[in-house]
Every structure is written in C-alpha cells, then in structure tokens.
Amino acid sequence: MTYLEAAHLILAEARKALTEAEIVSRALRKGLISPRTRQPERSIGVVLKRASQNPVSSFEQTAPHTWQLKPSKILEHPMSMREAALKVLTLAGKPLHYQEITRRAIRAGLIRPEGKTPAYTLRARVGDDMQRNEDSPFERVSDGTYGLKVWPKDLRKAKRATKKKAAKPVARIAKAQPVAKPVKPAKPAKAPKIAKAEAQPAVRKPRAKRQAIAEVSQPVVAMKRPAKVADQGSLERLARLKAAH
C-alpha cells in the first residue's frame, strides 16, 4: 500500500487531525506500509504536501506537519467492497484493473480496509458476486480487469480491441514499405579471348645414359712391419754376451 492510501485510511478512522509521526506509527502498527527510508515521517509529509496541491484532494493541512481529511470526504458509513467497485466503475465509464479500482475507492474514502491486501479482497468480492449472483452488474473483460454489463459490447471489449489494432498497423506498414535492396552496378563486359596459336609440341631430347662405372675389386694386402736392421754396434754387443755365457 502506498503512503497516500495508508494516510487516507488512518485519517478516516481517526476522524481528526494527526501529525505525520502519528500517521506513520499507526500505519506501521497495522502493517499498511513498509518504509525503506530512515525517516518515513518526512517521506509521508512530502507525499501529503504534493497531494494537497490538487484541488480535488482529500487532504488538508491544519498545522505544520499535521493533516486531516476534508469534511466532505469523510463518510459516516463506508461502502462494501462490491458497492465501492460498482461506484468506481460507474464513475470511470471504462473497464479498470482491480488494483486501480481499489486505489480509487480508497482515495475517495468509499472503503476503509483493515487488511494488508485490500486489492485482493476487492477482487474476491467481485468474483464471488459474479459466480453467485445471476444479476451481477460486473463482467470480466480480461484477467484482473472488470467492467459493467450495462455498457455496450464495444466498450466492454475496448481493451482487447486496442491490443489487436495496435498489432495490425505494424504488420501492414512492414508489408507496404518493403526495404529497397541496393542496386548493384552492372559489371563491364569482358573482352573475347583471342585464341592462341597452336604451339608445336616441344621435342624432348633423350637423356644421356649414365655410364656405369665398374668398380674394380682389388685384393686386400696385409701390411707387414719393416724388419729392423741391426747396426754394427749392436752385433758386437750381442756377440760378447754370447761369449760370456
């Protein structure tokens, strides 16, 4: 629930002027709001100040940071969810989503819901009335959107018709205006090929045969060491040694 809707419910129940801090404390106690800032009093004060600038607003400021509902906006006997939905749709003159119906009913002071989800409650009441009451004034236009049976069929099906009409023009435009492909420049004509004169086949020269080199096998001769020739001195020494023995 928004700060504006919560403030409307709290002030309608109090039937007197309340400060911004009192409005926030009562709304928190009932679980109507979930502040995301550290100073919700300041936030709700800004919201109420902006709403009060509207000539048809339900809020009026009696003192600094103090607000109340205008006497003409306070109902002695609030309506039921069904009656409030019927009145909101009658004044709107067109199908509305159940959340928008609840929002308008709260702002107009038609209902004083005590739960955290008044929109779901209103949807359940309207759906129950459509199932059990054969003379129910409500009609489901689409999922979550309701209208009145007394309206002409064109008005009741306005939402479906707008969706179909919005989809068709796109397809028509796409067909009517095809994307022009870029024209490729024509390639220049190629000159005819001139036939080459028939060349005479080249005469290949025969390859010279390699002369086989006959390998001459020679026997392997073992090399002997040259004999040492003894000199005269050596012979004399050898003779003396033999004579001594």
C-alpha atoms as a PDB file:
ATOM      1  CA  MET A   1       0.000   0.000   0.000  1.00  0.00           C
ATOM      2  CA  THR A   2       1.273   3.484  -0.812  1.00  0.00           C
ATOM      3  CA  TYR A   3       1.865   6.209   1.757  1.00  0.00           C
ATOM      4  CA  LEU A   4      -1.068   8.201   0.372  1.00  0.00           C
ATOM      5  CA  GLU A   5      -3.521   5.314   0.680  1.00  0.00           C
ATOM      6  CA  ALA A   6      -2.302   4.448   4.169  1.00  0.00           C
ATOM      7  CA  ALA A   7      -2.632   8.076   5.298  1.00  0.00           C
ATOM      8  CA  HIS A   8      -6.185   8.209   3.920  1.00  0.00           C
ATOM      9  CA  LEU A   9      -7.193   5.101   5.886  1.00  0.00           C
ATOM     10  CA  ILE A  10      -5.579   6.269   9.126  1.00  0.00           C
ATOM     11  CA  LEU A  11      -7.119   9.754   8.967  1.00  0.00           C
ATOM     12  CA  ALA A  12     -10.546   8.338   8.030  1.00  0.00           C
ATOM     13  CA  GLU A  13     -10.504   6.073  11.094  1.00  0.00           C
ATOM     14  CA  ALA A  14      -9.188   8.767  13.418  1.00  0.00           C
ATOM     15  CA  ARG A  15     -11.709  11.407  12.243  1.00  0.00           C
ATOM     16  CA  LYS A  16      -9.350  14.110  13.484  1.00  0.00           C
ATOM     17  CA  ALA A  17      -6.089  15.781  12.592  1.00  0.00           C
ATOM     18  CA  LEU A  18      -2.942  13.783  13.190  1.00  0.00           C
ATOM     19  CA  THR A  19       0.717  14.586  12.941  1.00  0.00           C
ATOM     20  CA  GLU A  20       2.919  12.914  10.388  1.00  0.00           C
ATOM     21  CA  ALA A  21       4.622  10.878  13.129  1.00  0.00           C
ATOM     22  CA  GLU A  22       1.258   9.631  14.438  1.00  0.00           C
ATOM     23  CA  ILE A  23       0.127   8.649  10.943  1.00  0.00           C
ATOM     24  CA  VAL A  24       3.321   6.656  10.378  1.00  0.00           C
ATOM     25  CA  SER A  25       3.178   4.928  13.780  1.00  0.00           C
ATOM     26  CA  ARG A  26      -0.443   3.820  13.287  1.00  0.00           C
ATOM     27  CA  ALA A  27       0.225   2.656   9.742  1.00  0.00           C
ATOM     28  CA  LEU A  28       3.225   0.625  10.927  1.00  0.00           C
ATOM     29  CA  ARG A  29       1.211  -0.887  13.753  1.00  0.00           C
ATOM     30  CA  LYS A  30      -1.386  -2.132  11.250  1.00  0.00           C
ATOM     31  CA  GLY A  31       1.221  -3.242   8.754  1.00  0.00           C
ATOM     32  CA  LEU A  32      -0.039  -0.962   5.995  1.00  0.00           C
ATOM     33  CA  ILE A  33       3.379   0.355   4.932  1.00  0.00           C
ATOM     34  CA  SER A  34       6.943  -0.929   4.775  1.00  0.00           C
ATOM     35  CA  PRO A  35       9.275   2.068   4.993  1.00  0.00           C
ATOM     36  CA  ARG A  36      12.504   1.892   3.019  1.00  0.00           C
ATOM     37  CA  THR A  37      13.985   5.068   4.464  1.00  0.00           C
ATOM     38  CA  ARG A  38      15.140   6.023   7.950  1.00  0.00           C
ATOM     39  CA  GLN A  39      12.705   8.944   8.129  1.00  0.00           C
ATOM     40  CA  PRO A  40       9.278   7.740   6.915  1.00  0.00           C
ATOM     41  CA  GLU A  41       7.626  10.746   8.625  1.00  0.00           C
ATOM     42  CA  ARG A  42       9.450  13.071   6.292  1.00  0.00           C
ATOM     43  CA  SER A  43       8.543  10.963   3.255  1.00  0.00           C
ATOM     44  CA  ILE A  44       4.847  10.852   4.090  1.00  0.00           C
ATOM     45  CA  GLY A  45       4.879  14.603   4.715  1.00  0.00           C
ATOM     46  CA  VAL A  46       6.244  15.216   1.213  1.00  0.00           C
ATOM     47  CA  VAL A  47       3.601  12.929  -0.302  1.00  0.00           C
ATOM     48  CA  LEU A  48       0.750  14.619   1.562  1.00  0.00           C
ATOM     49  CA  LYS A  49       2.002  18.079   0.643  1.00  0.00           C
ATOM     50  CA  ARG A  50       2.078  17.208  -3.047  1.00  0.00           C
ATOM     51  CA  ALA A  51      -1.384  15.632  -2.887  1.00  0.00           C
ATOM     52  CA  SER A  52      -2.889  18.643  -1.102  1.00  0.00           C
ATOM     53  CA  GLN A  53      -1.941  20.908  -4.013  1.00  0.00           C
ATOM     54  CA  ASN A  54      -4.576  19.139  -6.122  1.00  0.00           C
ATOM     55  CA  PRO A  55      -7.931  20.997  -5.844  1.00  0.00           C
ATOM     56  CA  VAL A  56      -9.862  17.717  -5.574  1.00  0.00           C
ATOM     57  CA  SER A  57      -7.521  16.273  -2.957  1.00  0.00           C
ATOM     58  CA  SER A  58      -8.974  14.781   0.230  1.00  0.00           C
ATOM     59  CA  PHE A  59      -6.188  16.116   2.478  1.00  0.00           C
ATOM     60  CA  GLU A  60      -5.753  19.491   4.113  1.00  0.00           C
ATOM     61  CA  GLN A  61      -3.043  20.804   6.423  1.00  0.00           C
ATOM     62  CA  THR A  62      -4.252  22.226   9.734  1.00  0.00           C
ATOM     63  CA  ALA A  63      -0.832  22.984  11.268  1.00  0.00           C
ATOM     64  CA  PRO A  64       2.824  22.340  10.479  1.00  0.00           C
ATOM     65  CA  HIS A  65       3.272  18.587   9.939  1.00  0.00           C
ATOM     66  CA  THR A  66      -0.408  17.987  10.862  1.00  0.00           C
ATOM     67  CA  TRP A  67      -3.049  16.703   8.452  1.00  0.00           C
ATOM     68  CA  GLN A  68      -6.696  15.747   8.287  1.00  0.00           C
ATOM     69  CA  LEU A  69      -9.317  14.774   5.741  1.00  0.00           C
ATOM     70  CA  LYS A  70     -11.704  17.357   4.372  1.00  0.00           C
ATOM     71  CA  PRO A  71     -15.159  17.047   5.977  1.00  0.00           C
ATOM     72  CA  SER A  72     -16.797  16.348   2.616  1.00  0.00           C
ATOM     73  CA  LYS A  73     -14.520  13.334   2.101  1.00  0.00           C
ATOM     74  CA  ILE A  74     -15.448  11.567   5.328  1.00  0.00           C
ATOM     75  CA  LEU A  75     -18.287   9.059   5.004  1.00  0.00           C
ATOM     76  CA  GLU A  76     -20.292   8.106   8.067  1.00  0.00           C
ATOM     77  CA  HIS A  77     -20.979   4.632   6.702  1.00  0.00           C
ATOM     78  CA  PRO A  78     -18.289   3.297   4.357  1.00  0.00           C
ATOM     79  CA  MET A  79     -19.397   1.130   1.466  1.00  0.00           C
ATOM     80  CA  SER A  80     -18.733  -2.555   0.985  1.00  0.00           C
ATOM     81  CA  MET A  81     -16.129  -3.696  -1.499  1.00  0.00           C
ATOM     82  CA  ARG A  82     -18.826  -4.618  -4.015  1.00  0.00           C
ATOM     83  CA  GLU A  83     -20.616  -1.266  -3.745  1.00  0.00           C
ATOM     84  CA  ALA A  84     -17.349   0.642  -3.952  1.00  0.00           C
ATOM     85  CA  ALA A  85     -16.286  -1.268  -7.082  1.00  0.00           C
ATOM     86  CA  LEU A  86     -19.659  -0.600  -8.697  1.00  0.00           C
ATOM     87  CA  LYS A  87     -19.458   3.120  -7.972  1.00  0.00           C
ATOM     88  CA  VAL A  88     -15.858   3.459  -9.142  1.00  0.00           C
ATOM     89  CA  LEU A  89     -16.604   1.697 -12.435  1.00  0.00           C
ATOM     90  CA  THR A  90     -19.737   3.773 -12.957  1.00  0.00           C
ATOM     91  CA  LEU A  91     -17.794   6.999 -12.481  1.00  0.00           C
ATOM     92  CA  ALA A  92     -14.885   5.814 -14.626  1.00  0.00           C
ATOM     93  CA  GLY A  93     -17.067   4.701 -17.529  1.00  0.00           C
ATOM     94  CA  LYS A  94     -14.482   2.181 -18.732  1.00  0.00           C
ATOM     95  CA  PRO A  95     -13.021  -1.151 -17.614  1.00  0.00           C
ATOM     96  CA  LEU A  96     -10.414  -0.943 -14.844  1.00  0.00           C
ATOM     97  CA  HIS A  97      -7.978  -3.313 -13.210  1.00  0.00           C
ATOM     98  CA  TYR A  98      -8.945  -4.404  -9.702  1.00  0.00           C
ATOM     99  CA  GLN A  99      -5.878  -2.665  -8.236  1.00  0.00           C
ATOM    100  CA  GLU A 100      -6.882   0.623  -9.847  1.00  0.00           C
ATOM    101  CA  ILE A 101     -10.464   0.170  -8.596  1.00  0.00           C
ATOM    102  CA  THR A 102      -9.185  -0.323  -5.048  1.00  0.00           C
ATOM    103  CA  ARG A 103      -6.855   2.673  -5.320  1.00  0.00           C
ATOM    104  CA  ARG A 104      -9.650   4.977  -6.461  1.00  0.00           C
ATOM    105  CA  ALA A 105     -12.042   3.667  -3.814  1.00  0.00           C
ATOM    106  CA  ILE A 106      -9.542   4.344  -1.031  1.00  0.00           C
ATOM    107  CA  ARG A 107      -8.729   7.831  -2.294  1.00  0.00           C
ATOM    108  CA  ALA A 108     -12.416   8.663  -2.499  1.00  0.00           C
ATOM    109  CA  GLY A 109     -12.982   7.363   1.026  1.00  0.00           C
ATOM    110  CA  LEU A 110     -15.502   4.746  -0.119  1.00  0.00           C
ATOM    111  CA  ILE A 111     -13.859   1.899   1.796  1.00  0.00           C
ATOM    112  CA  ARG A 112     -11.739   1.528   4.924  1.00  0.00           C
ATOM    113  CA  PRO A 113      -9.897  -1.737   4.527  1.00  0.00           C
ATOM    114  CA  GLU A 114      -8.186  -3.131   7.591  1.00  0.00           C
ATOM    115  CA  GLY A 115      -6.088  -5.833   5.944  1.00  0.00           C
ATOM    116  CA  LYS A 116      -2.727  -5.526   4.201  1.00  0.00           C
ATOM    117  CA  THR A 117      -4.061  -6.533   0.753  1.00  0.00           C
ATOM    118  CA  PRO A 118      -7.341  -4.710   0.100  1.00  0.00           C
ATOM    119  CA  ALA A 119      -6.989  -5.124  -3.661  1.00  0.00           C
ATOM    120  CA  TYR A 120      -7.114  -8.929  -3.406  1.00  0.00           C
ATOM    121  CA  THR A 121     -10.106  -8.658  -1.081  1.00  0.00           C
ATOM    122  CA  LEU A 122     -11.975  -6.489  -3.591  1.00  0.00           C
ATOM    123  CA  ARG A 123     -11.173  -8.910  -6.386  1.00  0.00           C
ATOM    124  CA  ALA A 124     -12.505 -11.827  -4.339  1.00  0.00           C
ATOM    125  CA  ARG A 125     -15.727  -9.964  -3.513  1.00  0.00           C
ATOM    126  CA  VAL A 126     -16.363  -9.035  -7.144  1.00  0.00           C
ATOM    127  CA  GLY A 127     -15.588 -12.565  -8.350  1.00  0.00           C
ATOM    128  CA  ASP A 128     -17.855 -14.102  -5.728  1.00  0.00           C
ATOM    129  CA  ASP A 129     -20.682 -11.774  -6.752  1.00  0.00           C
ATOM    130  CA  MET A 130     -20.279 -12.790 -10.404  1.00  0.00           C
ATOM    131  CA  GLN A 131     -20.475 -16.508  -9.552  1.00  0.00           C
ATOM    132  CA  ARG A 132     -23.356 -16.482  -7.088  1.00  0.00           C
ATOM    133  CA  ASN A 133     -25.489 -13.620  -8.341  1.00  0.00           C
ATOM    134  CA  GLU A 134     -27.082 -14.104 -11.755  1.00  0.00           C
ATOM    135  CA  ASP A 135     -27.970 -10.408 -11.868  1.00  0.00           C
ATOM    136  CA  SER A 136     -24.418  -9.302 -11.056  1.00  0.00           C
ATOM    137  CA  PRO A 137     -23.587  -5.993 -12.739  1.00  0.00           C
ATOM    138  CA  PHE A 138     -19.940  -6.955 -13.195  1.00  0.00           C
ATOM    139  CA  GLU A 139     -18.278  -8.616 -16.144  1.00  0.00           C
ATOM    140  CA  ARG A 140     -14.705  -9.785 -16.544  1.00  0.00           C
ATOM    141  CA  VAL A 141     -13.142  -8.127 -19.584  1.00  0.00           C
ATOM    142  CA  SER A 142      -9.718  -9.732 -19.213  1.00  0.00           C
ATOM    143  CA  ASP A 143      -7.568 -11.196 -16.475  1.00  0.00           C
ATOM    144  CA  GLY A 144      -7.925  -8.853 -13.487  1.00  0.00           C
ATOM    145  CA  THR A 145      -9.901  -6.223 -15.433  1.00  0.00           C
ATOM    146  CA  TYR A 146     -13.621  -5.707 -14.836  1.00  0.00           C
ATOM    147  CA  GLY A 147     -16.407  -3.733 -16.440  1.00  0.00           C
ATOM    148  CA  LEU A 148     -20.195  -3.427 -16.224  1.00  0.00           C
ATOM    149  CA  LYS A 149     -22.777  -5.397 -18.204  1.00  0.00           C
ATOM    150  CA  VAL A 150     -24.862  -2.295 -18.867  1.00  0.00           C
ATOM    151  CA  TRP A 151     -22.098  -0.910 -21.058  1.00  0.00           C
ATOM    152  CA  PRO A 152     -22.227  -1.596 -24.809  1.00  0.00           C
ATOM    153  CA  LYS A 153     -20.170  -4.504 -26.084  1.00  0.00           C
ATOM    154  CA  ASP A 154     -17.764  -2.201 -27.892  1.00  0.00           C
ATOM    155  CA  LEU A 155     -16.865  -0.516 -24.623  1.00  0.00           C
ATOM    156  CA  ARG A 156     -16.557  -3.763 -22.675  1.00  0.00           C
ATOM    157  CA  LYS A 157     -14.154  -5.192 -25.230  1.00  0.00           C
ATOM    158  CA  ALA A 158     -12.218  -1.978 -25.657  1.00  0.00           C
ATOM    159  CA  LYS A 159      -9.091  -3.393 -24.129  1.00  0.00           C
ATOM    160  CA  ARG A 160      -8.937  -6.419 -26.416  1.00  0.00           C
ATOM    161  CA  ALA A 161      -9.687  -4.312 -29.488  1.00  0.00           C
ATOM    162  CA  THR A 162      -6.904  -1.840 -28.704  1.00  0.00           C
ATOM    163  CA  LYS A 163      -4.379  -4.665 -28.453  1.00  0.00           C
ATOM    164  CA  LYS A 164      -5.400  -6.126 -31.833  1.00  0.00           C
ATOM    165  CA  LYS A 165      -5.455  -2.735 -33.554  1.00  0.00           C
ATOM    166  CA  ALA A 166      -2.064  -1.879 -32.164  1.00  0.00           C
ATOM    167  CA  ALA A 167      -0.577  -5.079 -33.580  1.00  0.00           C
ATOM    168  CA  LYS A 168      -2.101  -4.878 -37.102  1.00  0.00           C
ATOM    169  CA  PRO A 169      -0.745  -1.491 -38.316  1.00  0.00           C
ATOM    170  CA  VAL A 170       2.792  -2.616 -37.634  1.00  0.00           C
ATOM    171  CA  ALA A 171       2.363  -5.616 -39.936  1.00  0.00           C
ATOM    172  CA  ARG A 172       0.697  -3.501 -42.633  1.00  0.00           C
ATOM    173  CA  ILE A 173       3.425  -0.899 -42.606  1.00  0.00           C
ATOM    174  CA  ALA A 174       6.022  -3.615 -42.813  1.00  0.00           C
ATOM    175  CA  LYS A 175       4.326  -5.047 -45.917  1.00  0.00           C
ATOM    176  CA  ALA A 176       3.503  -1.708 -47.551  1.00  0.00           C
ATOM    177  CA  GLN A 177       7.017  -0.350 -47.257  1.00  0.00           C
ATOM    178  CA  PRO A 178       9.458  -3.120 -48.122  1.00  0.00           C
ATOM    179  CA  VAL A 179      13.068  -2.320 -47.643  1.00  0.00           C
ATOM    180  CA  ALA A 180      14.597  -1.484 -51.049  1.00  0.00           C
ATOM    181  CA  LYS A 181      17.668  -3.503 -51.814  1.00  0.00           C
ATOM    182  CA  PRO A 182      20.666  -1.556 -53.135  1.00  0.00           C
ATOM    183  CA  VAL A 183      21.121  -1.955 -56.906  1.00  0.00           C
ATOM    184  CA  LYS A 184      24.493  -3.417 -57.741  1.00  0.00           C
ATOM    185  CA  PRO A 185      26.334  -1.716 -60.656  1.00  0.00           C
ATOM    186  CA  ALA A 186      26.486  -3.766 -63.846  1.00  0.00           C
ATOM    187  CA  LYS A 187      29.796  -5.472 -64.435  1.00  0.00           C
ATOM    188  CA  PRO A 188      31.686  -4.377 -67.610  1.00  0.00           C
ATOM    189  CA  ALA A 189      31.575  -6.842 -70.484  1.00  0.00           C
ATOM    190  CA  LYS A 190      34.674  -8.943 -70.769  1.00  0.00           C
ATOM    191  CA  ALA A 191      36.660  -8.792 -73.979  1.00  0.00           C
ATOM    192  CA  PRO A 192      36.551 -12.013 -76.001  1.00  0.00           C
ATOM    193  CA  LYS A 193      39.568 -14.187 -75.527  1.00  0.00           C
ATOM    194  CA  ILE A 194      41.920 -14.374 -78.513  1.00  0.00           C
ATOM    195  CA  ALA A 195      42.746 -17.919 -79.420  1.00  0.00           C
ATOM    196  CA  LYS A 196      46.431 -18.554 -79.061  1.00  0.00           C
ATOM    197  CA  ALA A 197      48.307 -20.015 -81.933  1.00  0.00           C
ATOM    198  CA  GLU A 198      48.747 -23.659 -81.596  1.00  0.00           C
ATOM    199  CA  ALA A 199      52.249 -24.159 -80.359  1.00  0.00           C
ATOM    200  CA  GLN A 200      54.218 -27.074 -81.774  1.00  0.00           C
ATOM    201  CA  PRO A 201      54.930 -29.698 -79.200  1.00  0.00           C
ATOM    202  CA  ALA A 202      58.467 -29.368 -77.870  1.00  0.00           C
ATOM    203  CA  VAL A 203      60.760 -32.202 -78.814  1.00  0.00           C
ATOM    204  CA  ARG A 204      62.362 -33.627 -75.778  1.00  0.00           C
ATOM    205  CA  LYS A 205      65.971 -34.656 -76.020  1.00  0.00           C
ATOM    206  CA  PRO A 206      66.741 -38.145 -74.831  1.00  0.00           C
ATOM    207  CA  ARG A 207      68.546 -38.200 -71.569  1.00  0.00           C
ATOM    208  CA  ALA A 208      72.145 -39.282 -71.732  1.00  0.00           C
ATOM    209  CA  LYS A 209      72.589 -42.641 -70.159  1.00  0.00           C
ATOM    210  CA  ARG A 210      74.906 -42.638 -67.330  1.00  0.00           C
ATOM    211  CA  GLN A 211      77.852 -44.853 -67.949  1.00  0.00           C
ATOM    212  CA  ALA A 212      78.050 -47.431 -65.276  1.00  0.00           C
ATOM    213  CA  ILE A 213      81.385 -47.215 -63.571  1.00  0.00           C
ATOM    214  CA  ALA A 214      82.646 -50.695 -62.966  1.00  0.00           C
ATOM    215  CA  GLU A 215      84.080 -50.955 -59.603  1.00  0.00           C
ATOM    216  CA  VAL A 216      87.357 -52.769 -59.697  1.00  0.00           C
ATOM    217  CA  SER A 217      87.778 -55.020 -56.747  1.00  0.00           C
ATOM    218  CA  GLN A 218      91.369 -55.234 -55.571  1.00  0.00           C
ATOM    219  CA  PRO A 219      92.562 -57.793 -53.032  1.00  0.00           C
ATOM    220  CA  VAL A 220      93.406 -56.509 -49.648  1.00  0.00           C
ATOM    221  CA  VAL A 221      97.114 -56.887 -48.897  1.00  0.00           C
ATOM    222  CA  ALA A 222      98.204 -57.133 -45.268  1.00  0.00           C
ATOM    223  CA  MET A 223     100.880 -54.645 -44.376  1.00  0.00           C
ATOM    224  CA  LYS A 224     103.949 -56.119 -42.683  1.00  0.00           C
ATOM    225  CA  ARG A 225     106.106 -54.231 -40.339  1.00  0.00           C
ATOM    226  CA  PRO A 226     109.519 -53.486 -41.774  1.00  0.00           C
ATOM    227  CA  ALA A 227     112.292 -55.575 -40.215  1.00  0.00           C
ATOM    228  CA  LYS A 228     114.715 -53.711 -38.089  1.00  0.00           C
ATOM    229  CA  VAL A 229     118.248 -53.732 -39.371  1.00  0.00           C
ATOM    230  CA  ALA A 230     120.784 -54.156 -36.579  1.00  0.00           C
ATOM    231  CA  ASP A 231     123.702 -51.831 -36.688  1.00  0.00           C
ATOM    232  CA  GLN A 232     127.407 -52.915 -36.136  1.00  0.00           C
ATOM    233  CA  GLY A 233     127.463 -51.832 -32.510  1.00  0.00           C
ATOM    234  CA  SER A 234     124.516 -53.929 -31.673  1.00  0.00           C
ATOM    235  CA  LEU A 235     126.018 -57.002 -33.307  1.00  0.00           C
ATOM    236  CA  GLU A 236     129.232 -56.691 -31.338  1.00  0.00           C
ATOM    237  CA  ARG A 237     127.399 -56.417 -28.037  1.00  0.00           C
ATOM    238  CA  LEU A 238     125.314 -59.441 -28.888  1.00  0.00           C
ATOM    239  CA  ALA A 239     128.497 -61.465 -29.635  1.00  0.00           C
ATOM    240  CA  ARG A 240     130.099 -60.523 -26.333  1.00  0.00           C
ATOM    241  CA  LEU A 241     127.029 -61.564 -24.423  1.00  0.00           C
ATOM    242  CA  LYS A 242     127.029 -64.994 -26.103  1.00  0.00           C
ATOM    243  CA  ALA A 243     130.735 -65.461 -25.367  1.00  0.00           C
ATOM    244  CA  ALA A 244     130.251 -64.640 -21.721  1.00  0.00           C
ATOM    245  CA  HIS A 245     127.690 -67.421 -21.322  1.00  0.00           C
END
